[in-house]
Amino acid sequence: MHNLELDGYYSTALVSSFPSNAFGLSDMAGNVWEWCLDRYDVNSYSRDAAEGKISNPKGSESYNDPREPYAPKHLIRGGSFLCNDSYCSGYCISRRMCSSKDSGFNHTGFRCVKDID
């Protein structure tokens, strides 16, 4: 795969480089994976769905990644400029992966949120 720079950027784009959506949000997918407060638990979504917590899940109380059981990980969301159909197909705000806090990549940032309450 070759980066054709169709968006004008070789790697990450500056914040608000693209128009915001109907909610006034910009840069929610595709620039960098966004580090989230939620702890990664491979079972949390199925457990939340079974308990009826599907509209705004708060994440797990504990860490659970069977691939690396001793590495506490958090969710990262939104995909990055590196995603493509042959790698991770992650251009979606609900797309999730996980990362440990000692990871440092040029395709990972963070997501700021605010409760509406």
PDB file of N, CA and C in Angstrom:
ATOM      1  N   MET A   1       0.833  -1.178   0.000  1.00  0.00           N
ATOM      2  CA  MET A   1       0.000   0.000   0.000  1.00  0.00           C
ATOM      3  C   MET A   1       0.878   1.242   0.000  1.00  0.00           C
ATOM      4  N   HIS A   2       0.441   2.242  -0.705  1.00  0.00           N
ATOM      5  CA  HIS A   2       1.155   3.511  -0.755  1.00  0.00           C
ATOM      6  C   HIS A   2       0.258   4.619  -0.241  1.00  0.00           C
ATOM      7  N   ASN A   3       0.843   5.511   0.533  1.00  0.00           N
ATOM      8  CA  ASN A   3       0.102   6.672   0.998  1.00  0.00           C
ATOM      9  C   ASN A   3       0.091   7.692  -0.126  1.00  0.00           C
ATOM     10  N   LEU A   4      -1.055   7.899  -0.724  1.00  0.00           N
ATOM     11  CA  LEU A   4      -1.181   8.829  -1.841  1.00  0.00           C
ATOM     12  C   LEU A   4      -1.383  10.268  -1.383  1.00  0.00           C
ATOM     13  N   GLU A   5      -1.483  10.470  -0.080  1.00  0.00           N
ATOM     14  CA  GLU A   5      -1.663  11.797   0.511  1.00  0.00           C
ATOM     15  C   GLU A   5      -2.852  12.543  -0.098  1.00  0.00           C
ATOM     16  N   LEU A   6      -3.935  11.831  -0.364  1.00  0.00           N
ATOM     17  CA  LEU A   6      -5.120  12.441  -0.954  1.00  0.00           C
ATOM     18  C   LEU A   6      -5.759  13.479  -0.037  1.00  0.00           C
ATOM     19  N   ASP A   7      -5.515  13.343   1.275  1.00  0.00           N
ATOM     20  CA  ASP A   7      -6.053  14.327   2.218  1.00  0.00           C
ATOM     21  C   ASP A   7      -5.083  15.481   2.463  1.00  0.00           C
ATOM     22  N   GLY A   8      -3.903  15.426   1.829  1.00  0.00           N
ATOM     23  CA  GLY A   8      -2.918  16.491   1.993  1.00  0.00           C
ATOM     24  C   GLY A   8      -1.910  16.238   3.106  1.00  0.00           C
ATOM     25  N   TYR A   9      -1.994  15.079   3.780  1.00  0.00           N
ATOM     26  CA  TYR A   9      -1.105  14.795   4.904  1.00  0.00           C
ATOM     27  C   TYR A   9      -0.431  13.445   4.700  1.00  0.00           C
ATOM     28  N   TYR A  10       0.843  13.380   5.052  1.00  0.00           N
ATOM     29  CA  TYR A  10       1.559  12.116   4.976  1.00  0.00           C
ATOM     30  C   TYR A  10       1.249  11.246   6.195  1.00  0.00           C
ATOM     31  N   SER A  11       1.090  11.883   7.363  1.00  0.00           N
ATOM     32  CA  SER A  11       0.758  11.123   8.578  1.00  0.00           C
ATOM     33  C   SER A  11      -0.416  11.805   9.272  1.00  0.00           C
ATOM     34  N   THR A  12      -0.233  12.269  10.495  1.00  0.00           N
ATOM     35  CA  THR A  12      -1.351  12.871  11.217  1.00  0.00           C
ATOM     36  C   THR A  12      -1.690  14.251  10.664  1.00  0.00           C
ATOM     37  N   ALA A  13      -2.950  14.602  10.756  1.00  0.00           N
ATOM     38  CA  ALA A  13      -3.429  15.912  10.321  1.00  0.00           C
ATOM     39  C   ALA A  13      -3.568  16.822  11.545  1.00  0.00           C
ATOM     40  N   LEU A  14      -3.495  18.109  11.333  1.00  0.00           N
ATOM     41  CA  LEU A  14      -3.711  19.063  12.410  1.00  0.00           C
ATOM     42  C   LEU A  14      -5.150  18.959  12.920  1.00  0.00           C
ATOM     43  N   VAL A  15      -5.356  19.247  14.185  1.00  0.00           N
ATOM     44  CA  VAL A  15      -6.698  19.218  14.766  1.00  0.00           C
ATOM     45  C   VAL A  15      -7.607  20.165  13.994  1.00  0.00           C
ATOM     46  N   SER A  16      -8.822  19.725  13.740  1.00  0.00           N
ATOM     47  CA  SER A  16      -9.860  20.474  13.013  1.00  0.00           C
ATOM     48  C   SER A  16      -9.475  20.780  11.561  1.00  0.00           C
ATOM     49  N   SER A  17      -8.703  19.900  10.952  1.00  0.00           N
ATOM     50  CA  SER A  17      -8.353  20.062   9.538  1.00  0.00           C
ATOM     51  C   SER A  17      -9.521  19.746   8.618  1.00  0.00           C
ATOM     52  N   PHE A  18     -10.492  19.022   9.132  1.00  0.00           N
ATOM     53  CA  PHE A  18     -11.627  18.596   8.330  1.00  0.00           C
ATOM     54  C   PHE A  18     -12.910  19.120   8.958  1.00  0.00           C
ATOM     55  N   PRO A  19     -13.961  19.274   8.183  1.00  0.00           N
ATOM     56  CA  PRO A  19     -15.224  19.822   8.716  1.00  0.00           C
ATOM     57  C   PRO A  19     -15.794  18.961   9.842  1.00  0.00           C
ATOM     58  N   SER A  20     -16.457  19.605  10.784  1.00  0.00           N
ATOM     59  CA  SER A  20     -17.092  18.872  11.868  1.00  0.00           C
ATOM     60  C   SER A  20     -18.382  18.225  11.375  1.00  0.00           C
ATOM     61  N   ASN A  21     -18.886  17.270  12.155  1.00  0.00           N
ATOM     62  CA  ASN A  21     -20.114  16.572  11.782  1.00  0.00           C
ATOM     63  C   ASN A  21     -21.339  17.357  12.262  1.00  0.00           C
ATOM     64  N   ALA A  22     -22.500  16.768  12.122  1.00  0.00           N
ATOM     65  CA  ALA A  22     -23.751  17.441  12.499  1.00  0.00           C
ATOM     66  C   ALA A  22     -23.828  17.741  13.995  1.00  0.00           C
ATOM     67  N   PHE A  23     -23.039  17.054  14.808  1.00  0.00           N
ATOM     68  CA  PHE A  23     -23.018  17.288  16.246  1.00  0.00           C
ATOM     69  C   PHE A  23     -21.964  18.328  16.642  1.00  0.00           C
ATOM     70  N   GLY A  24     -21.224  18.840  15.663  1.00  0.00           N
ATOM     71  CA  GLY A  24     -20.173  19.806  15.947  1.00  0.00           C
ATOM     72  C   GLY A  24     -18.857  19.174  16.360  1.00  0.00           C
ATOM     73  N   LEU A  25     -18.732  17.862  16.174  1.00  0.00           N
ATOM     74  CA  LEU A  25     -17.513  17.141  16.542  1.00  0.00           C
ATOM     75  C   LEU A  25     -16.621  16.977  15.331  1.00  0.00           C
ATOM     76  N   SER A  26     -15.342  17.124  15.553  1.00  0.00           N
ATOM     77  CA  SER A  26     -14.409  16.902  14.441  1.00  0.00           C
ATOM     78  C   SER A  26     -13.315  15.943  14.877  1.00  0.00           C
ATOM     79  N   ASP A  27     -12.702  15.315  13.891  1.00  0.00           N
ATOM     80  CA  ASP A  27     -11.547  14.442  14.118  1.00  0.00           C
ATOM     81  C   ASP A  27     -11.856  13.262  15.042  1.00  0.00           C
ATOM     82  N   MET A  28     -13.037  12.689  14.928  1.00  0.00           N
ATOM     83  CA  MET A  28     -13.406  11.567  15.796  1.00  0.00           C
ATOM     84  C   MET A  28     -12.953  10.214  15.247  1.00  0.00           C
ATOM     85  N   ALA A  29     -12.516  10.164  14.018  1.00  0.00           N
ATOM     86  CA  ALA A  29     -12.089   8.883  13.457  1.00  0.00           C
ATOM     87  C   ALA A  29     -11.024   9.098  12.395  1.00  0.00           C
ATOM     88  N   GLY A  30     -10.052   8.217  12.386  1.00  0.00           N
ATOM     89  CA  GLY A  30      -9.120   8.142  11.276  1.00  0.00           C
ATOM     90  C   GLY A  30      -7.818   8.893  11.385  1.00  0.00           C
ATOM     91  N   ASN A  31      -7.657   9.833  12.274  1.00  0.00           N
ATOM     92  CA  ASN A  31      -6.398  10.555  12.365  1.00  0.00           C
ATOM     93  C   ASN A  31      -5.420   9.788  13.255  1.00  0.00           C
ATOM     94  N   VAL A  32      -5.773   9.640  14.525  1.00  0.00           N
ATOM     95  CA  VAL A  32      -4.994   8.819  15.456  1.00  0.00           C
ATOM     96  C   VAL A  32      -5.949   7.982  16.279  1.00  0.00           C
ATOM     97  N   TRP A  33      -5.499   6.807  16.721  1.00  0.00           N
ATOM     98  CA  TRP A  33      -6.259   6.049  17.706  1.00  0.00           C
ATOM     99  C   TRP A  33      -6.334   6.920  18.945  1.00  0.00           C
ATOM    100  N   GLU A  34      -7.469   6.946  19.599  1.00  0.00           N
ATOM    101  CA  GLU A  34      -7.671   7.826  20.744  1.00  0.00           C
ATOM    102  C   GLU A  34      -7.750   7.025  22.032  1.00  0.00           C
ATOM    103  N   TRP A  35      -6.804   7.306  22.940  1.00  0.00           N
ATOM    104  CA  TRP A  35      -6.742   6.657  24.243  1.00  0.00           C
ATOM    105  C   TRP A  35      -7.969   7.055  25.037  1.00  0.00           C
ATOM    106  N   CYS A  36      -8.655   6.087  25.641  1.00  0.00           N
ATOM    107  CA  CYS A  36      -9.873   6.342  26.414  1.00  0.00           C
ATOM    108  C   CYS A  36      -9.683   5.900  27.863  1.00  0.00           C
ATOM    109  N   LEU A  37     -10.506   6.430  28.739  1.00  0.00           N
ATOM    110  CA  LEU A  37     -10.446   6.097  30.155  1.00  0.00           C
ATOM    111  C   LEU A  37     -10.845   4.649  30.424  1.00  0.00           C
ATOM    112  N   ASP A  38     -11.715   4.072  29.602  1.00  0.00           N
ATOM    113  CA  ASP A  38     -12.232   2.722  29.828  1.00  0.00           C
ATOM    114  C   ASP A  38     -11.117   1.690  29.864  1.00  0.00           C
ATOM    115  N   ARG A  39     -11.176   0.847  30.892  1.00  0.00           N
ATOM    116  CA  ARG A  39     -10.250  -0.285  30.962  1.00  0.00           C
ATOM    117  C   ARG A  39     -10.666  -1.318  29.921  1.00  0.00           C
ATOM    118  N   TYR A  40      -9.671  -1.995  29.342  1.00  0.00           N
ATOM    119  CA  TYR A  40      -9.982  -3.021  28.350  1.00  0.00           C
ATOM    120  C   TYR A  40     -10.313  -4.329  29.046  1.00  0.00           C
ATOM    121  N   ASP A  41     -11.463  -4.870  28.715  1.00  0.00           N
ATOM    122  CA  ASP A  41     -11.890  -6.185  29.173  1.00  0.00           C
ATOM    123  C   ASP A  41     -12.537  -6.861  27.977  1.00  0.00           C
ATOM    124  N   VAL A  42     -11.959  -7.944  27.526  1.00  0.00           N
ATOM    125  CA  VAL A  42     -12.433  -8.629  26.329  1.00  0.00           C
ATOM    126  C   VAL A  42     -13.908  -9.008  26.427  1.00  0.00           C
ATOM    127  N   ASN A  43     -14.426  -9.166  27.638  1.00  0.00           N
ATOM    128  CA  ASN A  43     -15.815  -9.583  27.829  1.00  0.00           C
ATOM    129  C   ASN A  43     -16.776  -8.444  28.161  1.00  0.00           C
ATOM    130  N   SER A  44     -16.304  -7.221  28.278  1.00  0.00           N
ATOM    131  CA  SER A  44     -17.160  -6.160  28.817  1.00  0.00           C
ATOM    132  C   SER A  44     -18.377  -5.859  27.944  1.00  0.00           C
ATOM    133  N   TYR A  45     -18.235  -5.847  26.627  1.00  0.00           N
ATOM    134  CA  TYR A  45     -19.385  -5.511  25.779  1.00  0.00           C
ATOM    135  C   TYR A  45     -20.478  -6.570  25.848  1.00  0.00           C
ATOM    136  N   SER A  46     -20.088  -7.840  25.820  1.00  0.00           N
ATOM    137  CA  SER A  46     -21.110  -8.884  25.897  1.00  0.00           C
ATOM    138  C   SER A  46     -21.770  -8.876  27.271  1.00  0.00           C
ATOM    139  N   ARG A  47     -21.008  -8.613  28.329  1.00  0.00           N
ATOM    140  CA  ARG A  47     -21.575  -8.539  29.678  1.00  0.00           C
ATOM    141  C   ARG A  47     -22.501  -7.327  29.806  1.00  0.00           C
ATOM    142  N   ASP A  48     -22.078  -6.166  29.289  1.00  0.00           N
ATOM    143  CA  ASP A  48     -22.918  -4.966  29.333  1.00  0.00           C
ATOM    144  C   ASP A  48     -24.219  -5.178  28.567  1.00  0.00           C
ATOM    145  N   ALA A  49     -24.147  -5.810  27.409  1.00  0.00           N
ATOM    146  CA  ALA A  49     -25.355  -6.067  26.614  1.00  0.00           C
ATOM    147  C   ALA A  49     -26.309  -6.992  27.370  1.00  0.00           C
ATOM    148  N   ALA A  50     -25.767  -8.011  28.020  1.00  0.00           N
ATOM    149  CA  ALA A  50     -26.609  -8.939  28.789  1.00  0.00           C
ATOM    150  C   ALA A  50     -27.289  -8.241  29.963  1.00  0.00           C
ATOM    151  N   GLU A  51     -26.627  -7.191  30.506  1.00  0.00           N
ATOM    152  CA  GLU A  51     -27.187  -6.440  31.629  1.00  0.00           C
ATOM    153  C   GLU A  51     -28.008  -5.233  31.173  1.00  0.00           C
ATOM    154  N   GLY A  52     -28.129  -5.052  29.852  1.00  0.00           N
ATOM    155  CA  GLY A  52     -28.925  -3.951  29.328  1.00  0.00           C
ATOM    156  C   GLY A  52     -28.222  -2.603  29.335  1.00  0.00           C
ATOM    157  N   LYS A  53     -26.902  -2.564  29.467  1.00  0.00           N
ATOM    158  CA  LYS A  53     -26.141  -1.315  29.504  1.00  0.00           C
ATOM    159  C   LYS A  53     -25.535  -1.035  28.133  1.00  0.00           C
ATOM    160  N   ILE A  54     -26.362  -0.805  27.151  1.00  0.00           N
ATOM    161  CA  ILE A  54     -25.811  -0.643  25.808  1.00  0.00           C
ATOM    162  C   ILE A  54     -25.796   0.793  25.310  1.00  0.00           C
ATOM    163  N   SER A  55     -26.487   1.720  25.975  1.00  0.00           N
ATOM    164  CA  SER A  55     -26.521   3.082  25.441  1.00  0.00           C
ATOM    165  C   SER A  55     -25.294   3.894  25.844  1.00  0.00           C
ATOM    166  N   ASN A  56     -24.739   3.684  27.031  1.00  0.00           N
ATOM    167  CA  ASN A  56     -23.543   4.413  27.441  1.00  0.00           C
ATOM    168  C   ASN A  56     -22.735   3.575  28.425  1.00  0.00           C
ATOM    169  N   PRO A  57     -22.111   2.508  27.934  1.00  0.00           N
ATOM    170  CA  PRO A  57     -21.334   1.665  28.841  1.00  0.00           C
ATOM    171  C   PRO A  57     -20.162   2.442  29.428  1.00  0.00           C
ATOM    172  N   LYS A  58     -19.848   2.201  30.678  1.00  0.00           N
ATOM    173  CA  LYS A  58     -18.781   2.921  31.378  1.00  0.00           C
ATOM    174  C   LYS A  58     -17.466   2.160  31.409  1.00  0.00           C
ATOM    175  N   GLY A  59     -17.426   0.986  30.844  1.00  0.00           N
ATOM    176  CA  GLY A  59     -16.197   0.213  30.860  1.00  0.00           C
ATOM    177  C   GLY A  59     -16.144  -0.738  32.040  1.00  0.00           C
ATOM    178  N   SER A  60     -15.120  -1.517  32.081  1.00  0.00           N
ATOM    179  CA  SER A  60     -14.974  -2.575  33.073  1.00  0.00           C
ATOM    180  C   SER A  60     -14.351  -2.054  34.362  1.00  0.00           C
ATOM    181  N   GLU A  61     -14.604  -2.768  35.433  1.00  0.00           N
ATOM    182  CA  GLU A  61     -13.970  -2.471  36.723  1.00  0.00           C
ATOM    183  C   GLU A  61     -12.525  -2.985  36.746  1.00  0.00           C
ATOM    184  N   SER A  62     -12.225  -3.936  35.857  1.00  0.00           N
ATOM    185  CA  SER A  62     -10.898  -4.544  35.857  1.00  0.00           C
ATOM    186  C   SER A  62     -10.365  -4.678  34.434  1.00  0.00           C
ATOM    187  N   TYR A  63      -9.097  -5.013  34.336  1.00  0.00           N
ATOM    188  CA  TYR A  63      -8.443  -5.238  33.045  1.00  0.00           C
ATOM    189  C   TYR A  63      -8.537  -6.722  32.710  1.00  0.00           C
ATOM    190  N   ASN A  64      -8.753  -7.038  31.432  1.00  0.00           N
ATOM    191  CA  ASN A  64      -8.816  -8.450  31.050  1.00  0.00           C
ATOM    192  C   ASN A  64      -8.457  -8.594  29.580  1.00  0.00           C
ATOM    193  N   ASP A  65      -7.201  -8.874  29.319  1.00  0.00           N
ATOM    194  CA  ASP A  65      -6.747  -9.194  27.970  1.00  0.00           C
ATOM    195  C   ASP A  65      -6.062 -10.550  28.038  1.00  0.00           C
ATOM    196  N   PRO A  66      -6.753 -11.619  27.607  1.00  0.00           N
ATOM    197  CA  PRO A  66      -6.168 -12.960  27.710  1.00  0.00           C
ATOM    198  C   PRO A  66      -4.849 -13.120  26.953  1.00  0.00           C
ATOM    199  N   ARG A  67      -4.630 -12.273  25.946  1.00  0.00           N
ATOM    200  CA  ARG A  67      -3.373 -12.365  25.190  1.00  0.00           C
ATOM    201  C   ARG A  67      -2.184 -11.881  26.017  1.00  0.00           C
ATOM    202  N   GLU A  68      -2.418 -10.915  26.905  1.00  0.00           N
ATOM    203  CA  GLU A  68      -1.380 -10.386  27.792  1.00  0.00           C
ATOM    204  C   GLU A  68      -2.023 -10.113  29.154  1.00  0.00           C
ATOM    205  N   PRO A  69      -2.221 -11.166  29.952  1.00  0.00           N
ATOM    206  CA  PRO A  69      -3.002 -11.035  31.186  1.00  0.00           C
ATOM    207  C   PRO A  69      -2.391 -10.129  32.252  1.00  0.00           C
ATOM    208  N   TYR A  70      -1.099  -9.848  32.190  1.00  0.00           N
ATOM    209  CA  TYR A  70      -0.466  -9.032  33.229  1.00  0.00           C
ATOM    210  C   TYR A  70      -0.192  -7.598  32.775  1.00  0.00           C
ATOM    211  N   ALA A  71      -0.699  -7.236  31.615  1.00  0.00           N
ATOM    212  CA  ALA A  71      -0.505  -5.876  31.104  1.00  0.00           C
ATOM    213  C   ALA A  71      -1.830  -5.128  31.164  1.00  0.00           C
ATOM    214  N   PRO A  72      -1.987  -4.201  32.117  1.00  0.00           N
ATOM    215  CA  PRO A  72      -3.229  -3.423  32.166  1.00  0.00           C
ATOM    216  C   PRO A  72      -3.368  -2.555  30.918  1.00  0.00           C
ATOM    217  N   LYS A  73      -4.514  -2.660  30.270  1.00  0.00           N
ATOM    218  CA  LYS A  73      -4.712  -1.937  29.012  1.00  0.00           C
ATOM    219  C   LYS A  73      -5.993  -1.124  29.062  1.00  0.00           C
ATOM    220  N   HIS A  74      -5.983  -0.071  28.274  1.00  0.00           N
ATOM    221  CA  HIS A  74      -7.169   0.765  28.103  1.00  0.00           C
ATOM    222  C   HIS A  74      -7.626   0.679  26.658  1.00  0.00           C
ATOM    223  N   LEU A  75      -8.872   1.068  26.442  1.00  0.00           N
ATOM    224  CA  LEU A  75      -9.401   1.100  25.078  1.00  0.00           C
ATOM    225  C   LEU A  75      -8.771   2.239  24.299  1.00  0.00           C
ATOM    226  N   ILE A  76      -8.532   1.999  23.045  1.00  0.00           N
ATOM    227  CA  ILE A  76      -8.230   3.064  22.092  1.00  0.00           C
ATOM    228  C   ILE A  76      -9.290   2.951  21.004  1.00  0.00           C
ATOM    229  N   ARG A  77      -9.753   4.096  20.512  1.00  0.00           N
ATOM    230  CA  ARG A  77     -10.880   4.106  19.578  1.00  0.00           C
ATOM    231  C   ARG A  77     -10.603   4.993  18.373  1.00  0.00           C
ATOM    232  N   GLY A  78     -11.321   4.714  17.289  1.00  0.00           N
ATOM    233  CA  GLY A  78     -11.380   5.623  16.152  1.00  0.00           C
ATOM    234  C   GLY A  78     -10.478   5.328  14.984  1.00  0.00           C
ATOM    235  N   GLY A  79      -9.527   4.441  15.118  1.00  0.00           N
ATOM    236  CA  GLY A  79      -8.633   4.157  14.004  1.00  0.00           C
ATOM    237  C   GLY A  79      -7.605   5.251  13.798  1.00  0.00           C
ATOM    238  N   SER A  80      -6.688   5.042  12.890  1.00  0.00           N
ATOM    239  CA  SER A  80      -5.645   6.032  12.634  1.00  0.00           C
ATOM    240  C   SER A  80      -5.375   6.143  11.141  1.00  0.00           C
ATOM    241  N   PHE A  81      -4.479   7.044  10.818  1.00  0.00           N
ATOM    242  CA  PHE A  81      -4.104   7.232   9.420  1.00  0.00           C
ATOM    243  C   PHE A  81      -3.431   5.993   8.841  1.00  0.00           C
ATOM    244  N   LEU A  82      -3.004   5.065   9.686  1.00  0.00           N
ATOM    245  CA  LEU A  82      -2.363   3.836   9.211  1.00  0.00           C
ATOM    246  C   LEU A  82      -3.366   2.753   8.830  1.00  0.00           C
ATOM    247  N   CYS A  83      -4.626   2.901   9.250  1.00  0.00           N
ATOM    248  CA  CYS A  83      -5.626   1.869   8.983  1.00  0.00           C
ATOM    249  C   CYS A  83      -5.971   1.800   7.498  1.00  0.00           C
ATOM    250  N   ASN A  84      -6.143   0.603   7.026  1.00  0.00           N
ATOM    251  CA  ASN A  84      -6.606   0.370   5.655  1.00  0.00           C
ATOM    252  C   ASN A  84      -7.248  -1.011   5.613  1.00  0.00           C
ATOM    253  N   ASP A  85      -7.889  -1.331   4.533  1.00  0.00           N
ATOM    254  CA  ASP A  85      -8.626  -2.589   4.461  1.00  0.00           C
ATOM    255  C   ASP A  85      -7.759  -3.829   4.621  1.00  0.00           C
ATOM    256  N   SER A  86      -6.467  -3.734   4.351  1.00  0.00           N
ATOM    257  CA  SER A  86      -5.613  -4.910   4.501  1.00  0.00           C
ATOM    258  C   SER A  86      -4.983  -4.981   5.889  1.00  0.00           C
ATOM    259  N   TYR A  87      -5.211  -3.967   6.728  1.00  0.00           N
ATOM    260  CA  TYR A  87      -4.583  -3.964   8.053  1.00  0.00           C
ATOM    261  C   TYR A  87      -5.610  -4.002   9.181  1.00  0.00           C
ATOM    262  N   CYS A  88      -6.378  -2.918   9.376  1.00  0.00           N
ATOM    263  CA  CYS A  88      -7.283  -2.926  10.535  1.00  0.00           C
ATOM    264  C   CYS A  88      -8.675  -2.374  10.250  1.00  0.00           C
ATOM    265  N   SER A  89      -8.914  -1.787   9.117  1.00  0.00           N
ATOM    266  CA  SER A  89     -10.236  -1.252   8.771  1.00  0.00           C
ATOM    267  C   SER A  89     -10.867  -0.513   9.942  1.00  0.00           C
ATOM    268  N   GLY A  90     -10.160   0.443  10.503  1.00  0.00           N
ATOM    269  CA  GLY A  90     -10.597   1.066  11.740  1.00  0.00           C
ATOM    270  C   GLY A  90     -11.189   2.448  11.655  1.00  0.00           C
ATOM    271  N   TYR A  91     -11.599   2.917  10.500  1.00  0.00           N
ATOM    272  CA  TYR A  91     -12.123   4.281  10.421  1.00  0.00           C
ATOM    273  C   TYR A  91     -13.559   4.364  10.910  1.00  0.00           C
ATOM    274  N   CYS A  92     -13.766   4.208  12.191  1.00  0.00           N
ATOM    275  CA  CYS A  92     -15.108   4.253  12.747  1.00  0.00           C
ATOM    276  C   CYS A  92     -14.980   4.624  14.225  1.00  0.00           C
ATOM    277  N   ILE A  93     -15.801   5.543  14.712  1.00  0.00           N
ATOM    278  CA  ILE A  93     -15.629   5.975  16.100  1.00  0.00           C
ATOM    279  C   ILE A  93     -15.895   4.863  17.106  1.00  0.00           C
ATOM    280  N   SER A  94     -16.627   3.837  16.708  1.00  0.00           N
ATOM    281  CA  SER A  94     -16.894   2.739  17.631  1.00  0.00           C
ATOM    282  C   SER A  94     -15.841   1.631  17.546  1.00  0.00           C
ATOM    283  N   ARG A  95     -14.963   1.684  16.583  1.00  0.00           N
ATOM    284  CA  ARG A  95     -13.907   0.670  16.441  1.00  0.00           C
ATOM    285  C   ARG A  95     -13.020   0.728  17.657  1.00  0.00           C
ATOM    286  N   ARG A  96     -12.691  -0.410  18.217  1.00  0.00           N
ATOM    287  CA  ARG A  96     -11.860  -0.408  19.407  1.00  0.00           C
ATOM    288  C   ARG A  96     -10.722  -1.399  19.307  1.00  0.00           C
ATOM    289  N   MET A  97      -9.650  -1.043  19.943  1.00  0.00           N
ATOM    290  CA  MET A  97      -8.509  -1.910  20.166  1.00  0.00           C
ATOM    291  C   MET A  97      -8.038  -1.591  21.579  1.00  0.00           C
ATOM    292  N   CYS A  98      -6.914  -2.131  21.986  1.00  0.00           N
ATOM    293  CA  CYS A  98      -6.423  -1.815  23.324  1.00  0.00           C
ATOM    294  C   CYS A  98      -4.933  -1.525  23.272  1.00  0.00           C
ATOM    295  N   SER A  99      -4.478  -0.839  24.311  1.00  0.00           N
ATOM    296  CA  SER A  99      -3.075  -0.472  24.385  1.00  0.00           C
ATOM    297  C   SER A  99      -2.691  -0.283  25.849  1.00  0.00           C
ATOM    298  N   SER A 100      -1.463  -0.633  26.172  1.00  0.00           N
ATOM    299  CA  SER A 100      -0.986  -0.411  27.537  1.00  0.00           C
ATOM    300  C   SER A 100      -0.481   1.024  27.665  1.00  0.00           C
ATOM    301  N   LYS A 101      -0.427   1.523  28.887  1.00  0.00           N
ATOM    302  CA  LYS A 101      -0.082   2.928  29.090  1.00  0.00           C
ATOM    303  C   LYS A 101       1.367   3.244  28.762  1.00  0.00           C
ATOM    304  N   ASP A 102       2.209   2.237  28.628  1.00  0.00           N
ATOM    305  CA  ASP A 102       3.603   2.504  28.289  1.00  0.00           C
ATOM    306  C   ASP A 102       3.866   2.446  26.784  1.00  0.00           C
ATOM    307  N   SER A 103       2.806   2.320  25.998  1.00  0.00           N
ATOM    308  CA  SER A 103       2.952   2.323  24.539  1.00  0.00           C
ATOM    309  C   SER A 103       3.095   3.764  24.051  1.00  0.00           C
ATOM    310  N   GLY A 104       3.918   3.950  23.090  1.00  0.00           N
ATOM    311  CA  GLY A 104       4.070   5.279  22.505  1.00  0.00           C
ATOM    312  C   GLY A 104       4.161   5.159  20.996  1.00  0.00           C
ATOM    313  N   PHE A 105       3.130   5.577  20.306  1.00  0.00           N
ATOM    314  CA  PHE A 105       3.097   5.460  18.863  1.00  0.00           C
ATOM    315  C   PHE A 105       2.715   6.803  18.256  1.00  0.00           C
ATOM    316  N   ASN A 106       3.142   7.057  17.045  1.00  0.00           N
ATOM    317  CA  ASN A 106       2.773   8.307  16.375  1.00  0.00           C
ATOM    318  C   ASN A 106       1.350   8.274  15.849  1.00  0.00           C
ATOM    319  N   HIS A 107       0.665   7.168  16.014  1.00  0.00           N
ATOM    320  CA  HIS A 107      -0.719   7.059  15.559  1.00  0.00           C
ATOM    321  C   HIS A 107      -1.686   6.893  16.729  1.00  0.00           C
ATOM    322  N   THR A 108      -1.270   7.320  17.934  1.00  0.00           N
ATOM    323  CA  THR A 108      -2.124   7.262  19.119  1.00  0.00           C
ATOM    324  C   THR A 108      -2.149   8.622  19.802  1.00  0.00           C
ATOM    325  N   GLY A 109      -3.346   9.071  20.148  1.00  0.00           N
ATOM    326  CA  GLY A 109      -3.531  10.321  20.873  1.00  0.00           C
ATOM    327  C   GLY A 109      -4.468  10.072  22.042  1.00  0.00           C
ATOM    328  N   PHE A 110      -5.344  11.019  22.350  1.00  0.00           N
ATOM    329  CA  PHE A 110      -6.320  10.807  23.404  1.00  0.00           C
ATOM    330  C   PHE A 110      -7.621  11.483  23.030  1.00  0.00           C
ATOM    331  N   ARG A 111      -8.685  11.062  23.664  1.00  0.00           N
ATOM    332  CA  ARG A 111     -10.025  11.574  23.378  1.00  0.00           C
ATOM    333  C   ARG A 111     -10.542  12.298  24.613  1.00  0.00           C
ATOM    334  N   CYS A 112     -10.896  13.554  24.452  1.00  0.00           N
ATOM    335  CA  CYS A 112     -11.492  14.323  25.548  1.00  0.00           C
ATOM    336  C   CYS A 112     -12.999  14.146  25.501  1.00  0.00           C
ATOM    337  N   VAL A 113     -13.609  13.929  26.651  1.00  0.00           N
ATOM    338  CA  VAL A 113     -15.055  13.773  26.728  1.00  0.00           C
ATOM    339  C   VAL A 113     -15.577  14.559  27.910  1.00  0.00           C
ATOM    340  N   LYS A 114     -16.878  14.802  27.882  1.00  0.00           N
ATOM    341  CA  LYS A 114     -17.524  15.505  28.977  1.00  0.00           C
ATOM    342  C   LYS A 114     -18.899  14.885  29.184  1.00  0.00           C
ATOM    343  N   ASP A 115     -19.204  14.563  30.440  1.00  0.00           N
ATOM    344  CA  ASP A 115     -20.541  14.051  30.749  1.00  0.00           C
ATOM    345  C   ASP A 115     -21.564  15.158  30.494  1.00  0.00           C
ATOM    346  N   ILE A 116     -22.743  14.779  30.057  1.00  0.00           N
ATOM    347  CA  ILE A 116     -23.775  15.772  29.807  1.00  0.00           C
ATOM    348  C   ILE A 116     -24.573  16.090  31.065  1.00  0.00           C
ATOM    349  N   ASP A 117     -24.336  15.358  32.135  1.00  0.00           N
ATOM    350  CA  ASP A 117     -25.039  15.617  33.406  1.00  0.00           C
ATOM    351  C   ASP A 117     -24.484  16.839  34.093  1.00  0.00           C
TER     352      ASP A 117
END
